[in-house]
Amino acid sequence: MNSNIHIMDGVQSLRDVDVAGKRVLIRVDFNVPMDSHNNISDDRRIRMALPTINYCIDHNACSITLVSHFGRPKNGYEEKYSLRHIVKRLERLLHRNVEFIEDFSASRDEIATCSLERVFLLENIRFEAGEKTNSSELSERLASICDIYVNDAFGTSHRQHASTFGITKFIDTKVAGFLMIKEIEAFSKALEEPVRPIALVIGGAKISSKITLLTSVLQKIDKLIIGGAMSNTFLKALGYDMQNSLYEDDFVDTAKEIIEQTRQQGVKLYLPVDVVITDSIDHPIDIKVVPSQDILEGFGAVDIGPATVKLFSEAISLCNTIIWNGPMGIYEVDKFSRGTFKIANTIADSYAYTIVGGGDTADAVDKAREAENFSFISTGGGASLELLEGKILPGFENLNRKDRES
């Protein structure tokens, strides 16, 4: 179904190379959520990287260097974005000492020296000025400390950064880690030879961030189910007065075009028939459930209503492949989380092949205590969207392929 995913499915994995006695650099994604006291609230991304790291340890790599970004620092070092805060959790999960490298340049020679069983974690790579600009100088410095490059950071594989893309120009042996392979295999199952009917359940705040997905995916799905603030723009396109609801006025015409495309291509479109509204998100005094076309003056929609939950659930229950990206409302607020959690329950209870893409959606599934009941939970939000759009992710573009010499 997807014309490009097979290209990424053909890259070499860590199992295709011999790491014994080699210096291995693994690009991981340790961009985990933390509270204001630097406590990790969800270590899934760290845990998902463990099979790749442990494989290198178990197969006698002479040194392992872990490289990751964390957050969005604006200009160099920022204490709150230091990877120092995750070292203890990483050591606990790996059951071994991890050497934190605060200054990459100063420690470069030490890291580049082969020394059995040493695991290094570099400070946040985005503190380096050349990371986001895909600097050749930084890319070459990173390549100089390893013999084998392993990309296991699916969550940032859609970025052309030095540690995910540029480095591959300076090293011969470059392969995908086990998480990367697992992500591609999961989406390949949903996109290449899916069991129909296929439903895309989509939510979140903005249609602007998912226009390409919506327009490109219509030829591949049978049902399009839209909730969250994104649905407000579609309801506005139908002529409803959305009052104080969040919607994108500049994309109302785009929503109209997508509605017309679903009709032309025979895709069944589902939009909220009722919504939960409130007078205030931060300090709600009045919360009501009303039909989508009857939002009260001064109120805004913050969740899908019970009739919509029933409508969406019935549509979902008849599907055999379900891809979900984006919550149905402001699930972080308990009073506005019911719709998202109910949809999580419904998808989890189905007999379909189910994929969750996007950090917020994965978090919502966790909060609904349904994570174990989904077929696959992706670690990448933007990356999973671009994969669904049919794009070749830069993180796979230059990796060695199985069908040619490495």
Protein backbone atom coordinates (compact mmCIF):
# COMPACT_ATOMS: atom_id res chain seq x y z
CA MET A 1 0.00 0.00 0.00
CA ASN A 2 2.84 2.37 0.82
CA SER A 3 5.34 2.73 -2.04
CA ASN A 4 8.40 3.63 0.04
CA ILE A 5 8.29 1.62 3.25
CA HIS A 6 9.84 -1.41 1.54
CA ILE A 7 12.94 0.69 0.88
CA MET A 8 13.40 1.25 4.61
CA ASP A 9 12.45 -2.34 5.34
CA GLY A 10 15.53 -3.44 3.37
CA VAL A 11 18.25 -1.83 5.51
CA GLN A 12 20.79 -3.90 7.37
CA SER A 13 20.26 -4.42 11.07
CA LEU A 14 22.71 -4.82 13.91
CA ARG A 15 22.50 -8.60 13.49
CA ASP A 16 24.02 -8.28 10.01
CA VAL A 17 27.39 -7.02 11.28
CA ASP A 18 30.04 -8.32 13.69
CA VAL A 19 30.49 -5.91 16.60
CA ALA A 20 33.13 -7.95 18.44
CA GLY A 21 36.17 -5.82 19.16
CA LYS A 22 34.59 -2.80 17.45
CA ARG A 23 33.80 0.67 18.70
CA VAL A 24 30.06 1.17 18.37
CA LEU A 25 28.19 4.46 18.40
CA ILE A 26 24.45 4.08 18.96
CA ARG A 27 22.14 7.01 18.24
CA VAL A 28 19.36 6.47 20.78
CA ASP A 29 16.31 8.51 21.66
CA PHE A 30 16.36 9.29 25.37
CA ASN A 31 14.06 12.29 25.01
CA VAL A 32 11.90 11.16 27.92
CA PRO A 33 9.34 13.22 29.87
CA MET A 34 10.51 14.62 33.21
CA ASP A 35 8.83 16.53 36.00
CA SER A 36 10.06 19.82 37.46
CA HIS A 37 12.37 17.90 39.83
CA ASN A 38 14.11 16.03 36.99
CA ASN A 39 12.36 12.78 37.78
CA ILE A 40 11.61 10.60 34.74
CA SER A 41 7.86 10.05 34.46
CA ASP A 42 8.01 7.56 31.57
CA ASP A 43 11.17 5.63 30.68
CA ARG A 44 9.68 3.69 27.73
CA ARG A 45 12.14 5.15 25.23
CA ILE A 46 15.09 4.11 27.38
CA ARG A 47 13.71 0.62 27.84
CA MET A 48 13.05 0.25 24.12
CA ALA A 49 16.75 0.93 23.41
CA LEU A 50 18.01 -1.75 25.81
CA PRO A 51 17.94 -4.72 23.37
CA THR A 52 20.28 -2.89 20.99
CA ILE A 53 22.66 -1.77 23.74
CA ASN A 54 22.70 -5.18 25.44
CA TYR A 55 23.32 -6.94 22.13
CA CYS A 56 26.50 -4.90 21.68
CA ILE A 57 27.56 -5.64 25.25
CA ASP A 58 26.82 -9.37 24.93
CA HIS A 59 28.67 -9.61 21.61
CA ASN A 60 31.84 -8.02 22.97
CA ALA A 61 31.87 -4.58 21.41
CA CYS A 62 35.04 -2.99 22.72
CA SER A 63 33.25 0.25 23.61
CA ILE A 64 29.74 1.64 23.26
CA THR A 65 28.96 5.33 22.94
CA LEU A 66 25.35 6.44 23.32
CA VAL A 67 24.28 9.68 21.67
CA SER A 68 20.91 11.35 22.24
CA HIS A 69 19.11 14.67 22.25
CA PHE A 70 16.84 15.82 25.05
CA GLY A 71 14.30 18.63 24.82
CA ARG A 72 14.79 21.74 22.72
CA PRO A 73 17.68 23.79 24.09
CA LYS A 74 17.91 27.13 22.31
CA ASN A 75 21.57 28.09 22.59
CA GLY A 76 24.02 25.62 24.06
CA TYR A 77 23.96 24.18 27.57
CA GLU A 78 20.79 24.36 29.66
CA GLU A 79 20.77 22.51 32.96
CA LYS A 80 17.17 21.30 32.64
CA TYR A 81 18.05 19.57 29.36
CA SER A 82 21.16 17.81 30.60
CA LEU A 83 21.27 14.04 30.05
CA ARG A 84 23.01 13.83 33.40
CA HIS A 85 19.53 13.44 34.87
CA ILE A 86 18.95 10.09 33.19
CA VAL A 87 22.26 8.37 33.99
CA LYS A 88 21.06 6.68 37.18
CA ARG A 89 17.93 5.30 35.50
CA LEU A 90 19.99 4.05 32.57
CA GLU A 91 22.49 2.35 34.87
CA ARG A 92 19.67 0.70 36.81
CA LEU A 93 18.10 -0.64 33.62
CA LEU A 94 21.41 -1.79 32.12
CA HIS A 95 22.75 -3.19 35.40
CA ARG A 96 26.14 -1.64 34.72
CA ASN A 97 28.13 1.56 35.08
CA VAL A 98 27.61 4.27 32.47
CA GLU A 99 30.30 6.93 32.06
CA PHE A 100 28.77 10.34 31.46
CA ILE A 101 30.78 12.51 29.05
CA GLU A 102 30.14 16.15 29.83
CA ASP A 103 32.59 17.56 27.28
CA PHE A 104 32.72 15.58 24.04
CA SER A 105 35.65 17.49 22.57
CA ALA A 106 37.82 17.14 25.69
CA SER A 107 37.07 13.41 26.05
CA ARG A 108 37.12 12.49 22.38
CA ASP A 109 40.47 10.68 22.44
CA GLU A 110 39.47 8.62 25.48
CA ILE A 111 36.15 7.61 23.90
CA ALA A 112 37.86 6.74 20.61
CA THR A 113 40.19 4.29 22.37
CA CYS A 114 39.03 0.70 22.36
CA SER A 115 38.46 -0.40 25.96
CA LEU A 116 36.29 -3.45 26.57
CA GLU A 117 32.95 -3.11 28.37
CA ARG A 118 32.94 0.67 28.70
CA VAL A 119 29.60 2.36 28.04
CA PHE A 120 29.66 6.11 27.47
CA LEU A 121 26.75 8.53 27.36
CA LEU A 122 27.48 11.84 25.68
CA GLU A 123 25.90 15.04 26.96
CA ASN A 124 22.81 16.21 25.05
CA ILE A 125 23.93 16.33 21.41
CA ARG A 126 21.73 19.37 20.80
CA PHE A 127 24.04 21.40 23.01
CA GLU A 128 26.43 21.10 20.04
CA ALA A 129 25.83 23.98 17.62
CA GLY A 130 26.22 21.78 14.56
CA GLU A 131 23.67 19.09 15.41
CA LYS A 132 20.50 20.65 14.03
CA THR A 133 22.33 22.26 11.09
CA ASN A 134 23.75 18.87 10.07
CA SER A 135 27.29 20.20 10.38
CA SER A 136 29.88 18.18 8.47
CA GLU A 137 32.46 19.03 11.15
CA LEU A 138 30.34 17.57 13.96
CA SER A 139 29.30 14.62 11.82
CA GLU A 140 32.94 13.78 11.12
CA ARG A 141 33.92 14.14 14.80
CA LEU A 142 31.18 11.70 15.79
CA ALA A 143 32.22 9.25 13.09
CA SER A 144 35.85 9.39 14.27
CA ILE A 145 35.04 7.68 17.59
CA CYS A 146 33.42 4.57 16.15
CA ASP A 147 33.84 1.71 13.70
CA ILE A 148 30.12 0.93 13.52
CA TYR A 149 27.24 3.39 13.56
CA VAL A 150 23.84 2.16 14.76
CA ASN A 151 20.76 4.33 14.38
CA ASP A 152 18.14 3.26 16.90
CA ALA A 153 16.42 6.63 17.31
CA PHE A 154 13.19 6.25 15.36
CA GLY A 155 11.66 9.26 17.14
CA THR A 156 14.10 11.60 15.41
CA SER A 157 14.67 9.63 12.20
CA HIS A 158 12.70 12.20 10.22
CA ARG A 159 15.34 14.86 10.96
CA GLN A 160 18.45 15.54 8.85
CA HIS A 161 20.69 16.19 11.84
CA ALA A 162 24.39 15.47 12.25
CA SER A 163 23.91 12.47 14.56
CA THR A 164 21.09 10.91 12.53
CA PHE A 165 22.02 11.75 8.95
CA GLY A 166 25.32 13.59 8.46
CA ILE A 167 27.44 11.01 10.29
CA THR A 168 26.54 8.33 7.73
CA LYS A 169 28.66 10.12 5.10
CA PHE A 170 31.82 9.53 7.13
CA ILE A 171 31.49 5.90 8.15
CA ASP A 172 31.28 2.69 6.11
CA THR A 173 29.37 0.42 8.47
CA LYS A 174 26.00 1.97 9.35
CA VAL A 175 23.00 -0.13 10.32
CA ALA A 176 19.63 0.09 12.04
CA GLY A 177 19.12 -0.89 15.66
CA PHE A 178 16.46 -3.32 16.78
CA LEU A 179 13.94 -0.61 17.70
CA MET A 180 14.24 0.97 14.25
CA ILE A 181 13.66 -2.40 12.60
CA LYS A 182 10.73 -3.11 14.91
CA GLU A 183 9.10 0.23 14.06
CA ILE A 184 9.41 -0.35 10.31
CA GLU A 185 8.11 -3.91 10.56
CA ALA A 186 5.08 -2.72 12.55
CA PHE A 187 4.14 0.00 10.07
CA SER A 188 4.93 -2.28 7.14
CA LYS A 189 2.37 -4.76 8.43
CA ALA A 190 -0.23 -1.98 8.67
CA LEU A 191 0.58 -0.33 5.35
CA GLU A 192 1.95 -2.89 2.88
CA GLU A 193 -0.50 -5.77 3.18
CA PRO A 194 -3.10 -4.70 5.75
CA VAL A 195 -6.19 -6.63 6.69
CA ARG A 196 -9.13 -4.43 5.77
CA PRO A 197 -11.11 -2.43 6.70
CA ILE A 198 -8.47 0.10 7.77
CA ALA A 199 -9.29 3.02 10.07
CA LEU A 200 -7.14 6.07 10.76
CA VAL A 201 -8.16 7.61 14.07
CA ILE A 202 -6.67 11.06 14.26
CA GLY A 203 -6.80 13.86 16.81
CA GLY A 204 -4.60 16.41 18.46
CA ALA A 205 -4.70 20.16 18.15
CA LYS A 206 -3.82 21.18 14.61
CA ILE A 207 -4.89 20.19 11.13
CA SER A 208 -1.96 22.25 9.80
CA SER A 209 0.55 19.71 11.10
CA LYS A 210 -1.26 16.78 9.47
CA ILE A 211 -2.48 18.12 6.13
CA THR A 212 -0.02 16.05 4.11
CA LEU A 213 -0.99 12.94 6.03
CA LEU A 214 -4.72 13.50 5.55
CA THR A 215 -4.44 14.15 1.83
CA SER A 216 -2.00 11.32 1.11
CA VAL A 217 -3.59 8.62 3.25
CA LEU A 218 -7.13 8.78 1.85
CA GLN A 219 -6.29 6.37 -0.96
CA LYS A 220 -5.08 3.83 1.57
CA ILE A 221 -7.80 3.74 4.24
CA ASP A 222 -11.49 2.88 4.51
CA LYS A 223 -12.47 5.05 7.49
CA LEU A 224 -11.23 8.42 8.73
CA ILE A 225 -12.19 9.21 12.33
CA ILE A 226 -11.35 12.72 13.50
CA GLY A 227 -11.54 14.00 17.09
CA GLY A 228 -9.69 16.43 19.31
CA ALA A 229 -9.28 20.11 18.54
CA MET A 230 -8.52 19.14 14.95
CA SER A 231 -12.17 18.16 14.49
CA ASN A 232 -13.21 21.68 15.46
CA THR A 233 -11.78 22.99 12.19
CA PHE A 234 -13.78 20.38 10.28
CA LEU A 235 -16.95 21.21 12.20
CA LYS A 236 -16.33 24.88 11.41
CA ALA A 237 -16.05 23.86 7.75
CA LEU A 238 -19.54 22.36 8.05
CA GLY A 239 -20.82 25.75 9.14
CA TYR A 240 -21.01 25.17 12.90
CA ASP A 241 -20.36 28.05 15.27
CA MET A 242 -17.45 26.76 17.37
CA GLN A 243 -17.53 29.73 19.78
CA ASN A 244 -14.37 29.66 21.97
CA SER A 245 -13.19 26.26 20.74
CA LEU A 246 -9.67 25.96 19.42
CA TYR A 247 -9.69 25.76 15.63
CA GLU A 248 -7.59 26.99 12.71
CA ASP A 249 -9.50 29.56 10.71
CA ASP A 250 -6.84 29.59 7.98
CA PHE A 251 -7.45 25.90 7.31
CA VAL A 252 -11.24 25.81 7.17
CA ASP A 253 -11.13 25.71 3.36
CA THR A 254 -8.57 22.89 3.54
CA ALA A 255 -10.94 20.96 5.81
CA LYS A 256 -13.73 21.47 3.26
CA GLU A 257 -11.48 20.06 0.53
CA ILE A 258 -10.62 16.99 2.63
CA ILE A 259 -14.31 16.39 3.38
CA GLU A 260 -15.02 16.48 -0.37
CA GLN A 261 -12.08 14.16 -1.08
CA THR A 262 -13.42 11.57 1.35
CA ARG A 263 -16.72 11.62 -0.52
CA GLN A 264 -15.07 11.26 -3.91
CA GLN A 265 -12.80 8.40 -2.79
CA GLY A 266 -15.43 6.50 -0.85
CA VAL A 267 -13.77 6.93 2.54
CA LYS A 268 -16.23 7.03 5.43
CA LEU A 269 -15.62 10.18 7.48
CA TYR A 270 -16.61 10.36 11.14
CA LEU A 271 -16.74 13.66 13.04
CA PRO A 272 -18.03 14.41 16.56
CA VAL A 273 -21.82 14.56 16.85
CA ASP A 274 -21.62 15.85 20.41
CA VAL A 275 -18.88 17.48 22.46
CA VAL A 276 -17.95 18.27 26.04
CA ILE A 277 -17.81 22.05 26.49
CA THR A 278 -16.59 24.27 29.30
CA ASP A 279 -16.41 27.93 30.18
CA SER A 280 -12.72 27.63 31.15
CA ILE A 281 -10.01 25.04 30.60
CA ASP A 282 -7.82 26.09 33.52
CA HIS A 283 -10.59 26.84 36.04
CA PRO A 284 -13.79 25.22 34.77
CA ILE A 285 -16.98 26.14 36.60
CA ASP A 286 -19.52 24.94 34.07
CA ILE A 287 -19.10 21.73 32.02
CA LYS A 288 -21.82 20.44 29.68
CA VAL A 289 -22.40 17.94 26.90
CA VAL A 290 -24.10 19.43 23.83
CA PRO A 291 -24.61 18.58 20.15
CA SER A 292 -21.65 19.71 18.05
CA GLN A 293 -23.73 22.39 16.33
CA ASP A 294 -25.07 23.84 19.60
CA ILE A 295 -21.98 25.06 21.50
CA LEU A 296 -23.03 27.75 23.95
CA GLU A 297 -21.78 31.31 23.69
CA GLY A 298 -18.52 31.75 25.61
CA PHE A 299 -17.86 27.99 25.78
CA GLY A 300 -15.29 25.83 24.00
CA ALA A 301 -15.16 22.14 23.06
CA VAL A 302 -12.60 20.16 25.08
CA ASP A 303 -13.54 16.51 24.50
CA ILE A 304 -15.79 14.30 22.42
CA GLY A 305 -19.17 13.51 23.97
CA PRO A 306 -20.77 10.13 24.84
CA ALA A 307 -22.76 9.86 21.60
CA THR A 308 -19.55 10.44 19.63
CA VAL A 309 -17.73 7.82 21.70
CA LYS A 310 -20.47 5.36 20.77
CA LEU A 311 -20.35 6.37 17.07
CA PHE A 312 -16.56 6.15 16.88
CA SER A 313 -16.49 2.88 18.84
CA GLU A 314 -18.97 1.21 16.51
CA ALA A 315 -16.92 2.29 13.48
CA ILE A 316 -13.68 1.10 15.09
CA SER A 317 -15.09 -2.27 16.14
CA LEU A 318 -15.73 -3.20 12.50
CA CYS A 319 -12.12 -2.59 11.42
CA ASN A 320 -9.23 -5.04 11.21
CA THR A 321 -6.37 -2.52 11.09
CA ILE A 322 -6.42 0.63 13.23
CA ILE A 323 -3.82 3.41 13.31
CA TRP A 324 -4.27 6.03 16.02
CA ASN A 325 -2.45 9.36 16.21
CA GLY A 326 -3.69 12.17 18.44
CA PRO A 327 -5.96 12.34 21.53
CA MET A 328 -9.68 13.07 21.37
CA GLY A 329 -9.54 15.99 23.79
CA ILE A 330 -7.53 17.64 26.54
CA TYR A 331 -6.85 14.29 28.18
CA GLU A 332 -4.27 15.76 30.58
CA VAL A 333 -7.18 17.29 32.52
CA ASP A 334 -9.16 14.56 34.29
CA LYS A 335 -12.54 16.14 33.56
CA PHE A 336 -11.78 16.21 29.83
CA SER A 337 -10.08 12.82 29.47
CA ARG A 338 -13.05 10.48 29.25
CA GLY A 339 -13.42 10.53 25.46
CA THR A 340 -9.74 9.76 24.82
CA PHE A 341 -9.70 6.98 27.40
CA LYS A 342 -12.91 5.44 26.08
CA ILE A 343 -11.47 5.33 22.56
CA ALA A 344 -8.29 3.78 23.98
CA ASN A 345 -10.42 1.11 25.66
CA THR A 346 -12.35 0.43 22.46
CA ILE A 347 -9.28 0.08 20.25
CA ALA A 348 -7.54 -2.08 22.87
CA ASP A 349 -10.56 -4.38 23.09
CA SER A 350 -10.78 -4.87 19.33
CA TYR A 351 -9.38 -7.88 17.52
CA ALA A 352 -7.66 -5.61 15.01
CA TYR A 353 -3.98 -4.95 14.40
CA THR A 354 -3.50 -1.70 16.31
CA ILE A 355 -0.74 0.90 16.12
CA VAL A 356 -0.31 4.03 18.23
CA GLY A 357 1.84 6.84 16.85
CA GLY A 358 2.77 10.01 18.71
CA GLY A 359 3.98 10.81 22.21
CA ASP A 360 0.70 12.29 23.47
CA THR A 361 -1.30 9.33 22.20
CA ALA A 362 1.12 6.85 23.76
CA ASP A 363 0.90 8.76 27.03
CA ALA A 364 -2.89 8.69 26.87
CA VAL A 365 -2.86 4.94 26.25
CA ASP A 366 -0.59 4.55 29.27
CA LYS A 367 -2.89 6.63 31.44
CA ALA A 368 -5.84 4.53 30.26
CA ARG A 369 -3.83 1.46 31.35
CA GLU A 370 -4.17 -0.13 27.93
CA ALA A 371 -0.56 -0.09 26.69
CA GLU A 372 -0.19 -3.87 26.87
CA ASN A 373 -3.33 -4.37 24.78
CA PHE A 374 -2.11 -2.58 21.65
CA SER A 375 -0.22 -4.42 18.93
CA PHE A 376 2.47 -1.74 18.74
CA ILE A 377 3.18 1.64 20.31
CA SER A 378 5.55 3.74 18.23
CA THR A 379 8.23 5.84 19.92
CA GLY A 380 8.02 8.51 17.22
CA GLY A 381 5.34 11.12 16.65
CA GLY A 382 6.60 13.17 13.72
CA ALA A 383 8.48 10.18 12.32
CA SER A 384 5.39 7.98 12.35
CA LEU A 385 3.36 10.71 10.62
CA GLU A 386 5.93 11.04 7.83
CA LEU A 387 6.04 7.27 7.49
CA LEU A 388 2.26 7.20 7.05
CA GLU A 389 2.59 9.97 4.46
CA GLY A 390 4.81 7.69 2.39
CA LYS A 391 8.08 9.54 2.91
CA ILE A 392 11.51 7.92 3.13
CA LEU A 393 12.84 8.90 6.54
CA PRO A 394 16.34 10.48 6.44
CA GLY A 395 17.42 8.25 9.33
CA PHE A 396 17.13 5.24 6.99
CA GLU A 397 18.23 6.89 3.76
CA ASN A 398 22.00 6.25 3.98
CA LEU A 399 22.10 3.07 6.06
CA ASN A 400 23.61 -0.03 4.48
CA ARG A 401 21.14 -2.18 2.59
CA LYS A 402 20.80 -5.93 2.53
CA ASP A 403 20.71 -5.98 -1.26
CA ARG A 404 24.10 -4.39 -1.80
CA GLU A 405 27.62 -4.43 -0.43
CA SER A 406 28.02 -2.41 2.78
